[in-house]
Amino acid sequence: MNQQGNPASIQSVEVFFNKAYLQTKVMATDPNQELIYAFYVYKVGELEAIAKSVYKKFDTHQLEITVPGEYRVKVFAKSKKTGQVITKSSKSIQYTIVKDY
């Protein structure tokens, strides 16, 4: 029921850890939209993003995390056709470092 000209939207932002890497995957509601993505990673409790990516065509992002804590990712999706930017944040995810003794 999506008509041409409807603005793009982000269906979900999934975050998970693969070893020490925070992985982000964006799902757009319309995969035919020509979107480019930027990813801002925040550590809960800090105002400024700890990492910012430039806009790129890939809907995934990976960042190595070296400090335990709670993290979330804010995604910026920009339409290549209209220049409109939409955003969506992930849920927070906890990262802990387990040391072997």
PDB file of N, CA and C in Angstrom:
ATOM      1  N   MET A   1       0.823  -1.191   0.000  1.00  0.00           N
ATOM      2  CA  MET A   1       0.000   0.000   0.000  1.00  0.00           C
ATOM      3  C   MET A   1       0.865   1.251   0.000  1.00  0.00           C
ATOM      4  N   ASN A   2       2.137   1.079  -0.269  1.00  0.00           N
ATOM      5  CA  ASN A   2       3.060   2.208  -0.313  1.00  0.00           C
ATOM      6  C   ASN A   2       3.007   2.836  -1.702  1.00  0.00           C
ATOM      7  N   GLN A   3       2.622   4.091  -1.764  1.00  0.00           N
ATOM      8  CA  GLN A   3       2.513   4.764  -3.050  1.00  0.00           C
ATOM      9  C   GLN A   3       3.799   5.526  -3.344  1.00  0.00           C
ATOM     10  N   GLN A   4       4.051   5.750  -4.629  1.00  0.00           N
ATOM     11  CA  GLN A   4       5.225   6.535  -5.003  1.00  0.00           C
ATOM     12  C   GLN A   4       5.107   7.923  -4.390  1.00  0.00           C
ATOM     13  N   GLY A   5       6.207   8.431  -3.899  1.00  0.00           N
ATOM     14  CA  GLY A   5       6.183   9.762  -3.316  1.00  0.00           C
ATOM     15  C   GLY A   5       6.021   9.747  -1.810  1.00  0.00           C
ATOM     16  N   ASN A   6       5.605   8.610  -1.241  1.00  0.00           N
ATOM     17  CA  ASN A   6       5.530   8.522   0.212  1.00  0.00           C
ATOM     18  C   ASN A   6       6.942   8.606   0.783  1.00  0.00           C
ATOM     19  N   PRO A   7       7.097   9.302   1.911  1.00  0.00           N
ATOM     20  CA  PRO A   7       8.436   9.395   2.479  1.00  0.00           C
ATOM     21  C   PRO A   7       8.912   8.031   2.968  1.00  0.00           C
ATOM     22  N   ALA A   8      10.203   7.841   2.917  1.00  0.00           N
ATOM     23  CA  ALA A   8      10.793   6.604   3.411  1.00  0.00           C
ATOM     24  C   ALA A   8      10.689   6.567   4.925  1.00  0.00           C
ATOM     25  N   SER A   9      10.720   5.377   5.464  1.00  0.00           N
ATOM     26  CA  SER A   9      10.776   5.268   6.911  1.00  0.00           C
ATOM     27  C   SER A   9      11.600   4.051   7.299  1.00  0.00           C
ATOM     28  N   ILE A  10      12.071   4.068   8.524  1.00  0.00           N
ATOM     29  CA  ILE A  10      12.872   2.973   9.046  1.00  0.00           C
ATOM     30  C   ILE A  10      11.960   2.073   9.861  1.00  0.00           C
ATOM     31  N   GLN A  11      11.920   0.812   9.493  1.00  0.00           N
ATOM     32  CA  GLN A  11      11.083  -0.148  10.197  1.00  0.00           C
ATOM     33  C   GLN A  11      11.720  -0.524  11.525  1.00  0.00           C
ATOM     34  N   SER A  12      13.027  -0.820  11.514  1.00  0.00           N
ATOM     35  CA  SER A  12      13.687  -1.213  12.751  1.00  0.00           C
ATOM     36  C   SER A  12      15.189  -0.979  12.666  1.00  0.00           C
ATOM     37  N   VAL A  13      15.798  -0.861  13.852  1.00  0.00           N
ATOM     38  CA  VAL A  13      17.246  -0.780  13.982  1.00  0.00           C
ATOM     39  C   VAL A  13      17.640  -1.873  14.976  1.00  0.00           C
ATOM     40  N   GLU A  14      18.309  -2.891  14.470  1.00  0.00           N
ATOM     41  CA  GLU A  14      18.718  -4.020  15.309  1.00  0.00           C
ATOM     42  C   GLU A  14      20.183  -3.846  15.695  1.00  0.00           C
ATOM     43  N   VAL A  15      20.494  -4.060  16.984  1.00  0.00           N
ATOM     44  CA  VAL A  15      21.883  -4.006  17.447  1.00  0.00           C
ATOM     45  C   VAL A  15      22.205  -5.284  18.213  1.00  0.00           C
ATOM     46  N   PHE A  16      23.421  -5.764  18.035  1.00  0.00           N
ATOM     47  CA  PHE A  16      23.878  -6.947  18.763  1.00  0.00           C
ATOM     48  C   PHE A  16      25.402  -6.936  18.781  1.00  0.00           C
ATOM     49  N   PHE A  17      25.969  -7.715  19.679  1.00  0.00           N
ATOM     50  CA  PHE A  17      27.417  -7.822  19.756  1.00  0.00           C
ATOM     51  C   PHE A  17      27.876  -9.121  19.133  1.00  0.00           C
ATOM     52  N   ASN A  18      28.939  -9.026  18.354  1.00  0.00           N
ATOM     53  CA  ASN A  18      29.652 -10.179  17.822  1.00  0.00           C
ATOM     54  C   ASN A  18      31.074 -10.027  18.338  1.00  0.00           C
ATOM     55  N   LYS A  19      31.389 -10.756  19.402  1.00  0.00           N
ATOM     56  CA  LYS A  19      32.629 -10.571  20.146  1.00  0.00           C
ATOM     57  C   LYS A  19      32.665  -9.119  20.637  1.00  0.00           C
ATOM     58  N   ALA A  20      33.697  -8.346  20.286  1.00  0.00           N
ATOM     59  CA  ALA A  20      33.801  -6.971  20.787  1.00  0.00           C
ATOM     60  C   ALA A  20      33.214  -5.962  19.800  1.00  0.00           C
ATOM     61  N   TYR A  21      32.512  -6.426  18.779  1.00  0.00           N
ATOM     62  CA  TYR A  21      32.003  -5.516  17.752  1.00  0.00           C
ATOM     63  C   TYR A  21      30.502  -5.298  17.905  1.00  0.00           C
ATOM     64  N   LEU A  22      30.139  -4.030  18.004  1.00  0.00           N
ATOM     65  CA  LEU A  22      28.729  -3.649  18.023  1.00  0.00           C
ATOM     66  C   LEU A  22      28.256  -3.626  16.572  1.00  0.00           C
ATOM     67  N   GLN A  23      27.317  -4.497  16.249  1.00  0.00           N
ATOM     68  CA  GLN A  23      26.793  -4.613  14.887  1.00  0.00           C
ATOM     69  C   GLN A  23      25.428  -3.942  14.828  1.00  0.00           C
ATOM     70  N   THR A  24      25.195  -3.205  13.766  1.00  0.00           N
ATOM     71  CA  THR A  24      23.911  -2.536  13.569  1.00  0.00           C
ATOM     72  C   THR A  24      23.364  -2.909  12.201  1.00  0.00           C
ATOM     73  N   LYS A  25      22.076  -3.222  12.148  1.00  0.00           N
ATOM     74  CA  LYS A  25      21.400  -3.549  10.892  1.00  0.00           C
ATOM     75  C   LYS A  25      20.112  -2.738  10.822  1.00  0.00           C
ATOM     76  N   VAL A  26      19.925  -2.012   9.734  1.00  0.00           N
ATOM     77  CA  VAL A  26      18.741  -1.181   9.539  1.00  0.00           C
ATOM     78  C   VAL A  26      17.798  -1.875   8.566  1.00  0.00           C
ATOM     79  N   MET A  27      16.511  -1.846   8.890  1.00  0.00           N
ATOM     80  CA  MET A  27      15.492  -2.366   7.984  1.00  0.00           C
ATOM     81  C   MET A  27      14.597  -1.202   7.594  1.00  0.00           C
ATOM     82  N   ALA A  28      14.596  -0.863   6.302  1.00  0.00           N
ATOM     83  CA  ALA A  28      13.718   0.197   5.805  1.00  0.00           C
ATOM     84  C   ALA A  28      12.366  -0.409   5.438  1.00  0.00           C
ATOM     85  N   THR A  29      11.308   0.391   5.527  1.00  0.00           N
ATOM     86  CA  THR A  29       9.979  -0.123   5.198  1.00  0.00           C
ATOM     87  C   THR A  29       9.855  -0.422   3.710  1.00  0.00           C
ATOM     88  N   ASP A  30      10.557   0.328   2.880  1.00  0.00           N
ATOM     89  CA  ASP A  30      10.509   0.110   1.438  1.00  0.00           C
ATOM     90  C   ASP A  30      11.932  -0.082   0.925  1.00  0.00           C
ATOM     91  N   PRO A  31      12.330  -1.318   0.626  1.00  0.00           N
ATOM     92  CA  PRO A  31      13.707  -1.562   0.188  1.00  0.00           C
ATOM     93  C   PRO A  31      14.042  -0.923  -1.158  1.00  0.00           C
ATOM     94  N   ASN A  32      13.030  -0.459  -1.894  1.00  0.00           N
ATOM     95  CA  ASN A  32      13.281   0.182  -3.183  1.00  0.00           C
ATOM     96  C   ASN A  32      13.657   1.657  -3.046  1.00  0.00           C
ATOM     97  N   GLN A  33      13.488   2.210  -1.850  1.00  0.00           N
ATOM     98  CA  GLN A  33      13.895   3.603  -1.636  1.00  0.00           C
ATOM     99  C   GLN A  33      15.412   3.680  -1.755  1.00  0.00           C
ATOM    100  N   GLU A  34      15.904   4.709  -2.400  1.00  0.00           N
ATOM    101  CA  GLU A  34      17.349   4.884  -2.493  1.00  0.00           C
ATOM    102  C   GLU A  34      17.805   5.678  -1.285  1.00  0.00           C
ATOM    103  N   LEU A  35      18.248   4.963  -0.251  1.00  0.00           N
ATOM    104  CA  LEU A  35      18.653   5.601   0.987  1.00  0.00           C
ATOM    105  C   LEU A  35      20.148   5.427   1.213  1.00  0.00           C
ATOM    106  N   ILE A  36      20.741   6.421   1.863  1.00  0.00           N
ATOM    107  CA  ILE A  36      22.102   6.289   2.360  1.00  0.00           C
ATOM    108  C   ILE A  36      22.035   6.499   3.869  1.00  0.00           C
ATOM    109  N   TYR A  37      22.957   5.876   4.588  1.00  0.00           N
ATOM    110  CA  TYR A  37      22.845   5.789   6.040  1.00  0.00           C
ATOM    111  C   TYR A  37      24.076   6.337   6.743  1.00  0.00           C
ATOM    112  N   ALA A  38      23.840   6.992   7.893  1.00  0.00           N
ATOM    113  CA  ALA A  38      24.912   7.389   8.809  1.00  0.00           C
ATOM    114  C   ALA A  38      24.555   6.822  10.175  1.00  0.00           C
ATOM    115  N   PHE A  39      25.575   6.441  10.928  1.00  0.00           N
ATOM    116  CA  PHE A  39      25.369   5.786  12.221  1.00  0.00           C
ATOM    117  C   PHE A  39      26.095   6.562  13.313  1.00  0.00           C
ATOM    118  N   TYR A  40      25.366   6.931  14.375  1.00  0.00           N
ATOM    119  CA  TYR A  40      25.947   7.581  15.542  1.00  0.00           C
ATOM    120  C   TYR A  40      25.812   6.614  16.710  1.00  0.00           C
ATOM    121  N   VAL A  41      26.936   6.295  17.348  1.00  0.00           N
ATOM    122  CA  VAL A  41      26.931   5.365  18.472  1.00  0.00           C
ATOM    123  C   VAL A  41      27.074   6.164  19.760  1.00  0.00           C
ATOM    124  N   TYR A  42      26.176   5.902  20.697  1.00  0.00           N
ATOM    125  CA  TYR A  42      26.169   6.599  21.985  1.00  0.00           C
ATOM    126  C   TYR A  42      26.394   5.605  23.108  1.00  0.00           C
ATOM    127  N   LYS A  43      27.181   6.021  24.090  1.00  0.00           N
ATOM    128  CA  LYS A  43      27.286   5.266  25.335  1.00  0.00           C
ATOM    129  C   LYS A  43      26.293   5.906  26.287  1.00  0.00           C
ATOM    130  N   VAL A  44      25.406   5.099  26.888  1.00  0.00           N
ATOM    131  CA  VAL A  44      24.377   5.622  27.776  1.00  0.00           C
ATOM    132  C   VAL A  44      25.053   6.383  28.918  1.00  0.00           C
ATOM    133  N   GLY A  45      24.563   7.596  29.176  1.00  0.00           N
ATOM    134  CA  GLY A  45      25.128   8.444  30.209  1.00  0.00           C
ATOM    135  C   GLY A  45      26.025   9.537  29.660  1.00  0.00           C
ATOM    136  N   GLU A  46      26.398   9.434  28.382  1.00  0.00           N
ATOM    137  CA  GLU A  46      27.216  10.470  27.745  1.00  0.00           C
ATOM    138  C   GLU A  46      26.363  11.200  26.718  1.00  0.00           C
ATOM    139  N   LEU A  47      26.520  12.530  26.672  1.00  0.00           N
ATOM    140  CA  LEU A  47      25.706  13.338  25.759  1.00  0.00           C
ATOM    141  C   LEU A  47      26.168  13.228  24.311  1.00  0.00           C
ATOM    142  N   GLU A  48      27.477  13.210  24.103  1.00  0.00           N
ATOM    143  CA  GLU A  48      28.017  13.202  22.745  1.00  0.00           C
ATOM    144  C   GLU A  48      28.174  11.771  22.234  1.00  0.00           C
ATOM    145  N   ALA A  49      28.009  11.608  20.940  1.00  0.00           N
ATOM    146  CA  ALA A  49      28.227  10.295  20.324  1.00  0.00           C
ATOM    147  C   ALA A  49      29.700   9.926  20.461  1.00  0.00           C
ATOM    148  N   ILE A  50      29.976   8.651  20.719  1.00  0.00           N
ATOM    149  CA  ILE A  50      31.369   8.212  20.821  1.00  0.00           C
ATOM    150  C   ILE A  50      31.940   7.894  19.441  1.00  0.00           C
ATOM    151  N   ALA A  51      31.069   7.721  18.448  1.00  0.00           N
ATOM    152  CA  ALA A  51      31.511   7.459  17.080  1.00  0.00           C
ATOM    153  C   ALA A  51      30.421   7.909  16.118  1.00  0.00           C
ATOM    154  N   LYS A  52      30.852   8.496  15.011  1.00  0.00           N
ATOM    155  CA  LYS A  52      29.927   8.944  13.963  1.00  0.00           C
ATOM    156  C   LYS A  52      30.471   8.473  12.620  1.00  0.00           C
ATOM    157  N   SER A  53      29.589   7.921  11.802  1.00  0.00           N
ATOM    158  CA  SER A  53      30.018   7.519  10.465  1.00  0.00           C
ATOM    159  C   SER A  53      29.538   8.552   9.449  1.00  0.00           C
ATOM    160  N   VAL A  54      30.169   8.552   8.305  1.00  0.00           N
ATOM    161  CA  VAL A  54      29.691   9.371   7.190  1.00  0.00           C
ATOM    162  C   VAL A  54      28.537   8.612   6.533  1.00  0.00           C
ATOM    163  N   TYR A  55      27.785   9.299   5.681  1.00  0.00           N
ATOM    164  CA  TYR A  55      26.713   8.625   4.948  1.00  0.00           C
ATOM    165  C   TYR A  55      27.316   7.619   3.978  1.00  0.00           C
ATOM    166  N   LYS A  56      26.703   6.436   3.928  1.00  0.00           N
ATOM    167  CA  LYS A  56      27.142   5.389   3.012  1.00  0.00           C
ATOM    168  C   LYS A  56      25.932   4.593   2.557  1.00  0.00           C
ATOM    169  N   LYS A  57      26.093   3.836   1.488  1.00  0.00           N
ATOM    170  CA  LYS A  57      24.946   3.117   0.933  1.00  0.00           C
ATOM    171  C   LYS A  57      24.601   1.850   1.704  1.00  0.00           C
ATOM    172  N   PHE A  58      25.493   1.389   2.571  1.00  0.00           N
ATOM    173  CA  PHE A  58      25.260   0.143   3.293  1.00  0.00           C
ATOM    174  C   PHE A  58      24.342   0.358   4.487  1.00  0.00           C
ATOM    175  N   ASP A  59      23.420  -0.595   4.713  1.00  0.00           N
ATOM    176  CA  ASP A  59      22.472  -0.488   5.826  1.00  0.00           C
ATOM    177  C   ASP A  59      22.960  -1.231   7.067  1.00  0.00           C
ATOM    178  N   THR A  60      24.265  -1.527   7.096  1.00  0.00           N
ATOM    179  CA  THR A  60      24.868  -2.163   8.263  1.00  0.00           C
ATOM    180  C   THR A  60      26.075  -1.349   8.712  1.00  0.00           C
ATOM    181  N   HIS A  61      26.423  -1.515   9.984  1.00  0.00           N
ATOM    182  CA  HIS A  61      27.566  -0.789  10.546  1.00  0.00           C
ATOM    183  C   HIS A  61      28.189  -1.653  11.633  1.00  0.00           C
ATOM    184  N   GLN A  62      29.501  -1.504  11.801  1.00  0.00           N
ATOM    185  CA  GLN A  62      30.216  -2.267  12.813  1.00  0.00           C
ATOM    186  C   GLN A  62      31.203  -1.346  13.512  1.00  0.00           C
ATOM    187  N   LEU A  63      31.275  -1.450  14.832  1.00  0.00           N
ATOM    188  CA  LEU A  63      32.202  -0.635  15.609  1.00  0.00           C
ATOM    189  C   LEU A  63      32.767  -1.483  16.730  1.00  0.00           C
ATOM    190  N   GLU A  64      34.092  -1.445  16.880  1.00  0.00           N
ATOM    191  CA  GLU A  64      34.720  -2.172  17.989  1.00  0.00           C
ATOM    192  C   GLU A  64      34.505  -1.389  19.277  1.00  0.00           C
ATOM    193  N   ILE A  65      34.030  -2.081  20.300  1.00  0.00           N
ATOM    194  CA  ILE A  65      33.784  -1.477  21.604  1.00  0.00           C
ATOM    195  C   ILE A  65      34.844  -2.011  22.565  1.00  0.00           C
ATOM    196  N   THR A  66      35.525  -1.100  23.283  1.00  0.00           N
ATOM    197  CA  THR A  66      36.597  -1.519  24.181  1.00  0.00           C
ATOM    198  C   THR A  66      36.279  -1.260  25.650  1.00  0.00           C
ATOM    199  N   VAL A  67      35.189  -0.538  25.925  1.00  0.00           N
ATOM    200  CA  VAL A  67      34.829  -0.183  27.293  1.00  0.00           C
ATOM    201  C   VAL A  67      33.460  -0.774  27.616  1.00  0.00           C
ATOM    202  N   PRO A  68      33.342  -1.514  28.730  1.00  0.00           N
ATOM    203  CA  PRO A  68      32.027  -2.045  29.106  1.00  0.00           C
ATOM    204  C   PRO A  68      31.030  -0.912  29.312  1.00  0.00           C
ATOM    205  N   GLY A  69      29.780  -1.194  29.067  1.00  0.00           N
ATOM    206  CA  GLY A  69      28.738  -0.196  29.269  1.00  0.00           C
ATOM    207  C   GLY A  69      27.518  -0.517  28.447  1.00  0.00           C
ATOM    208  N   GLU A  70      26.603   0.440  28.438  1.00  0.00           N
ATOM    209  CA  GLU A  70      25.360   0.297  27.697  1.00  0.00           C
ATOM    210  C   GLU A  70      25.423   1.233  26.492  1.00  0.00           C
ATOM    211  N   TYR A  71      25.087   0.714  25.331  1.00  0.00           N
ATOM    212  CA  TYR A  71      25.227   1.458  24.087  1.00  0.00           C
ATOM    213  C   TYR A  71      23.919   1.454  23.308  1.00  0.00           C
ATOM    214  N   ARG A  72      23.742   2.501  22.491  1.00  0.00           N
ATOM    215  CA  ARG A  72      22.629   2.543  21.548  1.00  0.00           C
ATOM    216  C   ARG A  72      23.123   3.227  20.277  1.00  0.00           C
ATOM    217  N   VAL A  73      22.416   3.009  19.197  1.00  0.00           N
ATOM    218  CA  VAL A  73      22.811   3.559  17.903  1.00  0.00           C
ATOM    219  C   VAL A  73      21.656   4.374  17.342  1.00  0.00           C
ATOM    220  N   LYS A  74      21.972   5.580  16.878  1.00  0.00           N
ATOM    221  CA  LYS A  74      20.991   6.409  16.177  1.00  0.00           C
ATOM    222  C   LYS A  74      21.347   6.374  14.697  1.00  0.00           C
ATOM    223  N   VAL A  75      20.367   5.997  13.888  1.00  0.00           N
ATOM    224  CA  VAL A  75      20.574   5.878  12.444  1.00  0.00           C
ATOM    225  C   VAL A  75      19.932   7.067  11.744  1.00  0.00           C
ATOM    226  N   PHE A  76      20.656   7.638  10.808  1.00  0.00           N
ATOM    227  CA  PHE A  76      20.149   8.696   9.939  1.00  0.00           C
ATOM    228  C   PHE A  76      20.058   8.104   8.538  1.00  0.00           C
ATOM    229  N   ALA A  77      18.867   8.114   7.956  1.00  0.00           N
ATOM    230  CA  ALA A  77      18.669   7.610   6.596  1.00  0.00           C
ATOM    231  C   ALA A  77      18.259   8.792   5.722  1.00  0.00           C
ATOM    232  N   LYS A  78      19.042   9.020   4.674  1.00  0.00           N
ATOM    233  CA  LYS A  78      18.784  10.144   3.776  1.00  0.00           C
ATOM    234  C   LYS A  78      18.365   9.625   2.407  1.00  0.00           C
ATOM    235  N   SER A  79      17.268  10.178   1.890  1.00  0.00           N
ATOM    236  CA  SER A  79      16.811   9.819   0.551  1.00  0.00           C
ATOM    237  C   SER A  79      17.720  10.469  -0.484  1.00  0.00           C
ATOM    238  N   LYS A  80      18.250   9.651  -1.406  1.00  0.00           N
ATOM    239  CA  LYS A  80      19.099  10.194  -2.464  1.00  0.00           C
ATOM    240  C   LYS A  80      18.272  11.039  -3.440  1.00  0.00           C
ATOM    241  N   LYS A  81      16.961  10.777  -3.492  1.00  0.00           N
ATOM    242  CA  LYS A  81      16.094  11.502  -4.433  1.00  0.00           C
ATOM    243  C   LYS A  81      15.675  12.864  -3.886  1.00  0.00           C
ATOM    244  N   THR A  82      15.250  12.892  -2.611  1.00  0.00           N
ATOM    245  CA  THR A  82      14.668  14.126  -2.067  1.00  0.00           C
ATOM    246  C   THR A  82      15.574  14.845  -1.065  1.00  0.00           C
ATOM    247  N   GLY A  83      16.566  14.134  -0.529  1.00  0.00           N
ATOM    248  CA  GLY A  83      17.417  14.736   0.492  1.00  0.00           C
ATOM    249  C   GLY A  83      16.804  14.704   1.884  1.00  0.00           C
ATOM    250  N   GLN A  84      15.573  14.173   1.996  1.00  0.00           N
ATOM    251  CA  GLN A  84      14.902  14.095   3.290  1.00  0.00           C
ATOM    252  C   GLN A  84      15.664  13.133   4.200  1.00  0.00           C
ATOM    253  N   VAL A  85      15.822  13.526   5.473  1.00  0.00           N
ATOM    254  CA  VAL A  85      16.511  12.685   6.446  1.00  0.00           C
ATOM    255  C   VAL A  85      15.511  12.206   7.494  1.00  0.00           C
ATOM    256  N   ILE A  86      15.532  10.910   7.766  1.00  0.00           N
ATOM    257  CA  ILE A  86      14.722  10.339   8.838  1.00  0.00           C
ATOM    258  C   ILE A  86      15.680   9.666   9.819  1.00  0.00           C
ATOM    259  N   THR A  87      15.272   9.590  11.080  1.00  0.00           N
ATOM    260  CA  THR A  87      16.135   8.986  12.083  1.00  0.00           C
ATOM    261  C   THR A  87      15.354   7.968  12.901  1.00  0.00           C
ATOM    262  N   LYS A  88      16.104   7.048  13.470  1.00  0.00           N
ATOM    263  CA  LYS A  88      15.517   6.087  14.407  1.00  0.00           C
ATOM    264  C   LYS A  88      16.655   5.583  15.288  1.00  0.00           C
ATOM    265  N   SER A  89      16.347   5.424  16.574  1.00  0.00           N
ATOM    266  CA  SER A  89      17.350   4.920  17.511  1.00  0.00           C
ATOM    267  C   SER A  89      17.061   3.469  17.876  1.00  0.00           C
ATOM    268  N   SER A  90      18.134   2.754  18.152  1.00  0.00           N
ATOM    269  CA  SER A  90      18.000   1.372  18.596  1.00  0.00           C
ATOM    270  C   SER A  90      17.671   1.348  20.080  1.00  0.00           C
ATOM    271  N   LYS A  91      17.327   0.170  20.553  1.00  0.00           N
ATOM    272  CA  LYS A  91      17.241  -0.038  21.997  1.00  0.00           C
ATOM    273  C   LYS A  91      18.675  -0.081  22.528  1.00  0.00           C
ATOM    274  N   SER A  92      18.820   0.125  23.820  1.00  0.00           N
ATOM    275  CA  SER A  92      20.146   0.035  24.425  1.00  0.00           C
ATOM    276  C   SER A  92      20.558  -1.428  24.535  1.00  0.00           C
ATOM    277  N   ILE A  93      21.869  -1.653  24.435  1.00  0.00           N
ATOM    278  CA  ILE A  93      22.406  -3.010  24.568  1.00  0.00           C
ATOM    279  C   ILE A  93      23.607  -2.942  25.498  1.00  0.00           C
ATOM    280  N   GLN A  94      23.702  -3.929  26.362  1.00  0.00           N
ATOM    281  CA  GLN A  94      24.778  -3.981  27.371  1.00  0.00           C
ATOM    282  C   GLN A  94      25.983  -4.715  26.830  1.00  0.00           C
ATOM    283  N   TYR A  95      27.178  -4.147  27.070  1.00  0.00           N
ATOM    284  CA  TYR A  95      28.422  -4.819  26.697  1.00  0.00           C
ATOM    285  C   TYR A  95      29.247  -5.040  27.947  1.00  0.00           C
ATOM    286  N   THR A  96      29.620  -6.277  28.193  1.00  0.00           N
ATOM    287  CA  THR A  96      30.481  -6.588  29.332  1.00  0.00           C
ATOM    288  C   THR A  96      31.695  -7.349  28.812  1.00  0.00           C
ATOM    289  N   ILE A  97      32.797  -7.161  29.470  1.00  0.00           N
ATOM    290  CA  ILE A  97      34.019  -7.859  29.107  1.00  0.00           C
ATOM    291  C   ILE A  97      34.227  -8.977  30.119  1.00  0.00           C
ATOM    292  N   VAL A  98      34.331 -10.191  29.610  1.00  0.00           N
ATOM    293  CA  VAL A  98      34.585 -11.337  30.471  1.00  0.00           C
ATOM    294  C   VAL A  98      36.061 -11.686  30.364  1.00  0.00           C
ATOM    295  N   LYS A  99      36.730 -11.694  31.507  1.00  0.00           N
ATOM    296  CA  LYS A  99      38.172 -12.008  31.496  1.00  0.00           C
ATOM    297  C   LYS A  99      38.383 -13.441  31.952  1.00  0.00           C
ATOM    298  N   ASP A 100      39.288 -14.114  31.263  1.00  0.00           N
ATOM    299  CA  ASP A 100      39.685 -15.465  31.685  1.00  0.00           C
ATOM    300  C   ASP A 100      40.851 -15.352  32.653  1.00  0.00           C
ATOM    301  N   TYR A 101      40.798 -16.081  33.754  1.00  0.00           N
ATOM    302  CA  TYR A 101      41.886 -16.041  34.735  1.00  0.00           C
ATOM    303  C   TYR A 101      42.595 -17.356  34.766  1.00  0.00           C
TER     304      TYR A 101
END
